[in-house]
PDB file of N, CA and C in Angstrom:
ATOM      1  N   MET A   1      47.342  68.867 114.304  1.00  0.00           N
ATOM      2  CA  MET A   1      48.298  69.599 113.514  1.00  0.00           C
ATOM      3  C   MET A   1      49.217  68.592 112.836  1.00  0.00           C
ATOM      4  N   ARG A   2      49.461  68.810 111.569  1.00  0.00           N
ATOM      5  CA  ARG A   2      50.323  67.921 110.800  1.00  0.00           C
ATOM      6  C   ARG A   2      51.616  68.628 110.412  1.00  0.00           C
ATOM      7  N   ALA A   3      52.648  67.854 110.311  1.00  0.00           N
ATOM      8  CA  ALA A   3      53.928  68.383 109.830  1.00  0.00           C
ATOM      9  C   ALA A   3      54.119  67.931 108.391  1.00  0.00           C
ATOM     10  N   HIS A   4      54.651  68.806 107.584  1.00  0.00           N
ATOM     11  CA  HIS A   4      54.929  68.478 106.189  1.00  0.00           C
ATOM     12  C   HIS A   4      56.415  68.641 105.944  1.00  0.00           C
ATOM     13  N   LYS A   5      56.946  67.752 105.159  1.00  0.00           N
ATOM     14  CA  LYS A   5      58.361  67.782 104.839  1.00  0.00           C
ATOM     15  C   LYS A   5      58.511  68.230 103.386  1.00  0.00           C
ATOM     16  N   ALA A   6      59.390  69.167 103.161  1.00  0.00           N
ATOM     17  CA  ALA A   6      59.625  69.672 101.806  1.00  0.00           C
ATOM     18  C   ALA A   6      61.114  69.603 101.510  1.00  0.00           C
ATOM     19  N   GLU A   7      61.438  69.333 100.276  1.00  0.00           N
ATOM     20  CA  GLU A   7      62.829  69.284  99.853  1.00  0.00           C
ATOM     21  C   GLU A   7      63.066  70.377  98.832  1.00  0.00           C
ATOM     22  N   ILE A   8      64.139  71.095  99.013  1.00  0.00           N
ATOM     23  CA  ILE A   8      64.498  72.155  98.080  1.00  0.00           C
ATOM     24  C   ILE A   8      65.718  71.684  97.308  1.00  0.00           C
ATOM     25  N   ARG A   9      65.609  71.674  96.010  1.00  0.00           N
ATOM     26  CA  ARG A   9      66.731  71.267  95.169  1.00  0.00           C
ATOM     27  C   ARG A   9      67.321  72.512  94.511  1.00  0.00           C
ATOM     28  N   LEU A  10      68.473  72.894  95.005  1.00  0.00           N
ATOM     29  CA  LEU A  10      69.122  74.108  94.525  1.00  0.00           C
ATOM     30  C   LEU A  10      70.186  73.774  93.489  1.00  0.00           C
ATOM     31  N   THR A  11      70.378  74.710  92.581  1.00  0.00           N
ATOM     32  CA  THR A  11      71.504  74.578  91.660  1.00  0.00           C
ATOM     33  C   THR A  11      72.769  74.925  92.439  1.00  0.00           C
ATOM     34  N   ALA A  12      73.918  74.678  91.858  1.00  0.00           N
ATOM     35  CA  ALA A  12      75.186  74.984  92.532  1.00  0.00           C
ATOM     36  C   ALA A  12      75.297  76.482  92.832  1.00  0.00           C
ATOM     37  N   ASP A  13      74.871  77.326  91.887  1.00  0.00           N
ATOM     38  CA  ASP A  13      74.922  78.783  92.101  1.00  0.00           C
ATOM     39  C   ASP A  13      73.974  79.215  93.218  1.00  0.00           C
ATOM     40  N   GLN A  14      72.771  78.655  93.237  1.00  0.00           N
ATOM     41  CA  GLN A  14      71.804  78.995  94.276  1.00  0.00           C
ATOM     42  C   GLN A  14      72.307  78.548  95.650  1.00  0.00           C
ATOM     43  N   ARG A  15      72.902  77.366  95.697  1.00  0.00           N
ATOM     44  CA  ARG A  15      73.450  76.856  96.952  1.00  0.00           C
ATOM     45  C   ARG A  15      74.543  77.792  97.476  1.00  0.00           C
ATOM     46  N   GLN A  16      75.411  78.231  96.584  1.00  0.00           N
ATOM     47  CA  GLN A  16      76.495  79.144  96.977  1.00  0.00           C
ATOM     48  C   GLN A  16      75.928  80.454  97.512  1.00  0.00           C
ATOM     49  N   GLN A  17      74.894  80.980  96.863  1.00  0.00           N
ATOM     50  CA  GLN A  17      74.281  82.240  97.304  1.00  0.00           C
ATOM     51  C   GLN A  17      73.611  82.077  98.671  1.00  0.00           C
ATOM     52  N   VAL A  18      72.939  80.948  98.894  1.00  0.00           N
ATOM     53  CA  VAL A  18      72.304  80.696 100.187  1.00  0.00           C
ATOM     54  C   VAL A  18      73.363  80.631 101.287  1.00  0.00           C
ATOM     55  N   LEU A  19      74.469  79.943 101.025  1.00  0.00           N
ATOM     56  CA  LEU A  19      75.543  79.835 102.018  1.00  0.00           C
ATOM     57  C   LEU A  19      76.161  81.199 102.325  1.00  0.00           C
ATOM     58  N   LYS A  20      76.335  82.030 101.302  1.00  0.00           N
ATOM     59  CA  LYS A  20      76.863  83.387 101.523  1.00  0.00           C
ATOM     60  C   LYS A  20      75.902  84.202 102.378  1.00  0.00           C
ATOM     61  N   THR A  21      74.617  84.126 102.068  1.00  0.00           N
ATOM     62  CA  THR A  21      73.602  84.886 102.801  1.00  0.00           C
ATOM     63  C   THR A  21      73.566  84.465 104.263  1.00  0.00           C
ATOM     64  N   LEU A  22      73.601  83.164 104.517  1.00  0.00           N
ATOM     65  CA  LEU A  22      73.601  82.678 105.897  1.00  0.00           C
ATOM     66  C   LEU A  22      74.880  83.090 106.629  1.00  0.00           C
ATOM     67  N   GLY A  23      75.991  83.112 105.930  1.00  0.00           N
ATOM     68  CA  GLY A  23      77.253  83.531 106.532  1.00  0.00           C
ATOM     69  C   GLY A  23      77.227  84.988 106.951  1.00  0.00           C
ATOM     70  N   VAL A  24      76.642  85.836 106.115  1.00  0.00           N
ATOM     71  CA  VAL A  24      76.524  87.261 106.449  1.00  0.00           C
ATOM     72  C   VAL A  24      75.618  87.443 107.658  1.00  0.00           C
ATOM     73  N   GLY A  25      74.509  86.716 107.684  1.00  0.00           N
ATOM     74  CA  GLY A  25      73.595  86.810 108.819  1.00  0.00           C
ATOM     75  C   GLY A  25      74.262  86.381 110.119  1.00  0.00           C
ATOM     76  N   CYS A  26      75.043  85.317 110.061  1.00  0.00           N
ATOM     77  CA  CYS A  26      75.766  84.832 111.236  1.00  0.00           C
ATOM     78  C   CYS A  26      76.794  85.866 111.699  1.00  0.00           C
ATOM     79  N   HIS A  27      77.499  86.453 110.753  1.00  0.00           N
ATOM     80  CA  HIS A  27      78.502  87.473 111.090  1.00  0.00           C
ATOM     81  C   HIS A  27      77.845  88.679 111.762  1.00  0.00           C
ATOM     82  N   LEU A  28      76.740  89.154 111.214  1.00  0.00           N
ATOM     83  CA  LEU A  28      76.061  90.316 111.796  1.00  0.00           C
ATOM     84  C   LEU A  28      75.506  90.009 113.181  1.00  0.00           C
ATOM     85  N   TYR A  29      74.994  88.810 113.371  1.00  0.00           N
ATOM     86  CA  TYR A  29      74.481  88.416 114.686  1.00  0.00           C
ATOM     87  C   TYR A  29      75.614  88.438 115.711  1.00  0.00           C
ATOM     88  N   ASN A  30      76.754  87.851 115.359  1.00  0.00           N
ATOM     89  CA  ASN A  30      77.895  87.829 116.272  1.00  0.00           C
ATOM     90  C   ASN A  30      78.413  89.239 116.558  1.00  0.00           C
ATOM     91  N   LEU A  31      78.431  90.093 115.540  1.00  0.00           N
ATOM     92  CA  LEU A  31      78.847  91.478 115.719  1.00  0.00           C
ATOM     93  C   LEU A  31      77.893  92.217 116.656  1.00  0.00           C
ATOM     94  N   TYR A  32      76.603  91.976 116.499  1.00  0.00           N
ATOM     95  CA  TYR A  32      75.582  92.586 117.351  1.00  0.00           C
ATOM     96  C   TYR A  32      75.769  92.164 118.812  1.00  0.00           C
ATOM     97  N   ILE A  33      75.982  90.881 119.039  1.00  0.00           N
ATOM     98  CA  ILE A  33      76.187  90.382 120.398  1.00  0.00           C
ATOM     99  C   ILE A  33      77.449  90.980 121.003  1.00  0.00           C
ATOM    100  N   ALA A  34      78.541  91.006 120.245  1.00  0.00           N
ATOM    101  CA  ALA A  34      79.810  91.557 120.744  1.00  0.00           C
ATOM    102  C   ALA A  34      79.675  93.046 121.059  1.00  0.00           C
ATOM    103  N   THR A  35      78.968  93.781 120.210  1.00  0.00           N
ATOM    104  CA  THR A  35      78.779  95.216 120.430  1.00  0.00           C
ATOM    105  C   THR A  35      77.992  95.470 121.707  1.00  0.00           C
ATOM    106  N   ASN A  36      76.922  94.712 121.911  1.00  0.00           N
ATOM    107  CA  ASN A  36      76.123  94.909 123.124  1.00  0.00           C
ATOM    108  C   ASN A  36      76.881  94.472 124.370  1.00  0.00           C
ATOM    109  N   GLU A  37      77.695  93.442 124.267  1.00  0.00           N
ATOM    110  CA  GLU A  37      78.508  93.031 125.409  1.00  0.00           C
ATOM    111  C   GLU A  37      79.518  94.123 125.771  1.00  0.00           C
ATOM    112  N   GLU A  38      80.114  94.722 124.753  1.00  0.00           N
ATOM    113  CA  GLU A  38      81.055  95.822 124.976  1.00  0.00           C
ATOM    114  C   GLU A  38      80.352  97.026 125.601  1.00  0.00           C
ATOM    115  N   ARG A  39      79.155  97.354 125.122  1.00  0.00           N
ATOM    116  CA  ARG A  39      78.389  98.465 125.677  1.00  0.00           C
ATOM    117  C   ARG A  39      78.036  98.196 127.143  1.00  0.00           C
ATOM    118  N   TYR A  40      77.701  96.951 127.454  1.00  0.00           N
ATOM    119  CA  TYR A  40      77.359  96.574 128.834  1.00  0.00           C
ATOM    120  C   TYR A  40      78.564  96.778 129.753  1.00  0.00           C
ATOM    121  N   GLN A  41      79.739  96.358 129.291  1.00  0.00           N
ATOM    122  CA  GLN A  41      80.952  96.492 130.096  1.00  0.00           C
ATOM    123  C   GLN A  41      81.326  97.962 130.310  1.00  0.00           C
ATOM    124  N   GLN A  42      80.922  98.830 129.394  1.00  0.00           N
ATOM    125  CA  GLN A  42      81.192 100.261 129.522  1.00  0.00           C
ATOM    126  C   GLN A  42      80.105 100.977 130.330  1.00  0.00           C
ATOM    127  N   GLY A  43      79.088 100.230 130.736  1.00  0.00           N
ATOM    128  CA  GLY A  43      78.006 100.817 131.522  1.00  0.00           C
ATOM    129  C   GLY A  43      76.954 101.518 130.668  1.00  0.00           C
ATOM    130  N   LEU A  44      76.955 101.269 129.367  1.00  0.00           N
ATOM    131  CA  LEU A  44      75.975 101.887 128.471  1.00  0.00           C
ATOM    132  C   LEU A  44      74.733 101.020 128.352  1.00  0.00           C
ATOM    133  N   ASN A  45      73.669 101.603 127.811  1.00  0.00           N
ATOM    134  CA  ASN A  45      72.415 100.878 127.624  1.00  0.00           C
ATOM    135  C   ASN A  45      72.514  99.860 126.502  1.00  0.00           C
ATOM    136  N   PHE A  46      71.641  98.862 126.579  1.00  0.00           N
ATOM    137  CA  PHE A  46      71.504  97.847 125.546  1.00  0.00           C
ATOM    138  C   PHE A  46      71.008  98.503 124.263  1.00  0.00           C
ATOM    139  N   ARG A  47      71.546  98.111 123.130  1.00  0.00           N
ATOM    140  CA  ARG A  47      71.097  98.647 121.850  1.00  0.00           C
ATOM    141  C   ARG A  47      70.200  97.611 121.173  1.00  0.00           C
ATOM    142  N   ALA A  48      68.954  97.993 120.889  1.00  0.00           N
ATOM    143  CA  ALA A  48      68.003  97.092 120.251  1.00  0.00           C
ATOM    144  C   ALA A  48      68.441  96.775 118.824  1.00  0.00           C
ATOM    145  N   ALA A  49      68.023  95.629 118.330  1.00  0.00           N
ATOM    146  CA  ALA A  49      68.410  95.193 116.988  1.00  0.00           C
ATOM    147  C   ALA A  49      67.938  96.185 115.920  1.00  0.00           C
ATOM    148  N   GLN A  50      66.794  96.827 116.133  1.00  0.00           N
ATOM    149  CA  GLN A  50      66.276  97.776 115.156  1.00  0.00           C
ATOM    150  C   GLN A  50      67.164  99.010 115.032  1.00  0.00           C
ATOM    151  N   CYS A  51      67.909  99.318 116.082  1.00  0.00           N
ATOM    152  CA  CYS A  51      68.770 100.502 116.087  1.00  0.00           C
ATOM    153  C   CYS A  51      70.221 100.172 115.763  1.00  0.00           C
ATOM    154  N   PHE A  52      70.531  98.887 115.619  1.00  0.00           N
ATOM    155  CA  PHE A  52      71.906  98.463 115.399  1.00  0.00           C
ATOM    156  C   PHE A  52      72.313  98.722 113.953  1.00  0.00           C
ATOM    157  N   ARG A  53      73.456  99.389 113.794  1.00  0.00           N
ATOM    158  CA  ARG A  53      74.025  99.631 112.472  1.00  0.00           C
ATOM    159  C   ARG A  53      75.531  99.646 112.652  1.00  0.00           C
ATOM    160  N   PRO A  54      76.238  98.678 112.041  1.00  0.00           N
ATOM    161  CA  PRO A  54      77.695  98.665 112.188  1.00  0.00           C
ATOM    162  C   PRO A  54      78.296  99.993 111.746  1.00  0.00           C
ATOM    163  N   MET A  55      79.366 100.398 112.402  1.00  0.00           N
ATOM    164  CA  MET A  55      80.021 101.671 112.089  1.00  0.00           C
ATOM    165  C   MET A  55      80.449 101.713 110.625  1.00  0.00           C
ATOM    166  N   GLY A  56      80.237 102.849 109.993  1.00  0.00           N
ATOM    167  CA  GLY A  56      80.651 103.037 108.613  1.00  0.00           C
ATOM    168  C   GLY A  56      79.658 102.542 107.583  1.00  0.00           C
ATOM    169  N   GLN A  57      78.540 101.960 108.033  1.00  0.00           N
ATOM    170  CA  GLN A  57      77.546 101.451 107.091  1.00  0.00           C
ATOM    171  C   GLN A  57      76.517 102.545 106.801  1.00  0.00           C
ATOM    172  N   PRO A  58      76.195 102.745 105.528  1.00  0.00           N
ATOM    173  CA  PRO A  58      75.204 103.779 105.192  1.00  0.00           C
ATOM    174  C   PRO A  58      73.800 103.349 105.596  1.00  0.00           C
ATOM    175  N   ARG A  59      72.959 104.319 105.858  1.00  0.00           N
ATOM    176  CA  ARG A  59      71.556 104.021 106.128  1.00  0.00           C
ATOM    177  C   ARG A  59      70.857 103.771 104.787  1.00  0.00           C
ATOM    178  N   ILE A  60      70.094 102.712 104.711  1.00  0.00           N
ATOM    179  CA  ILE A  60      69.327 102.387 103.511  1.00  0.00           C
ATOM    180  C   ILE A  60      67.851 102.609 103.836  1.00  0.00           C
ATOM    181  N   ARG A  61      67.239 103.496 103.100  1.00  0.00           N
ATOM    182  CA  ARG A  61      65.815 103.769 103.309  1.00  0.00           C
ATOM    183  C   ARG A  61      64.992 102.745 102.522  1.00  0.00           C
ATOM    184  N   PRO A  62      63.771 102.470 102.975  1.00  0.00           N
ATOM    185  CA  PRO A  62      62.911 101.528 102.252  1.00  0.00           C
ATOM    186  C   PRO A  62      62.761 101.942 100.783  1.00  0.00           C
ATOM    187  N   GLY A  63      62.932 100.984  99.908  1.00  0.00           N
ATOM    188  CA  GLY A  63      62.801 101.250  98.477  1.00  0.00           C
ATOM    189  C   GLY A  63      64.097 101.635  97.792  1.00  0.00           C
ATOM    190  N   GLU A  64      65.158 101.909  98.567  1.00  0.00           N
ATOM    191  CA  GLU A  64      66.449 102.266  97.975  1.00  0.00           C
ATOM    192  C   GLU A  64      67.245 101.010  97.672  1.00  0.00           C
ATOM    193  N   SER A  65      68.097 101.126  96.695  1.00  0.00           N
ATOM    194  CA  SER A  65      68.984 100.029  96.338  1.00  0.00           C
ATOM    195  C   SER A  65      70.330 100.220  97.012  1.00  0.00           C
ATOM    196  N   MET A  66      71.012  99.117  97.304  1.00  0.00           N
ATOM    197  CA  MET A  66      72.337  99.214  97.916  1.00  0.00           C
ATOM    198  C   MET A  66      73.400  99.446  96.859  1.00  0.00           C
ATOM    199  N   ASP A  67      73.073  99.336  95.579  1.00  0.00           N
ATOM    200  CA  ASP A  67      74.042  99.522  94.503  1.00  0.00           C
ATOM    201  C   ASP A  67      74.302 100.981  94.236  1.00  0.00           C
TER     202      ASP A  67
END
């Protein structure tokens, strides 16, 4: 098995968008962990990632736009 190294050269706008996207993912992960920890302390069941939806967020069906 071989490893290949690739370099991605982003424009300033693309770099900013990637950083925003990663920041949102990090925030949601931390929120998910905190929510499950709180549920555990209350004696409730673990909530799977597929069922996790922050309070107040609309459900988005496949093919729908968030706009």
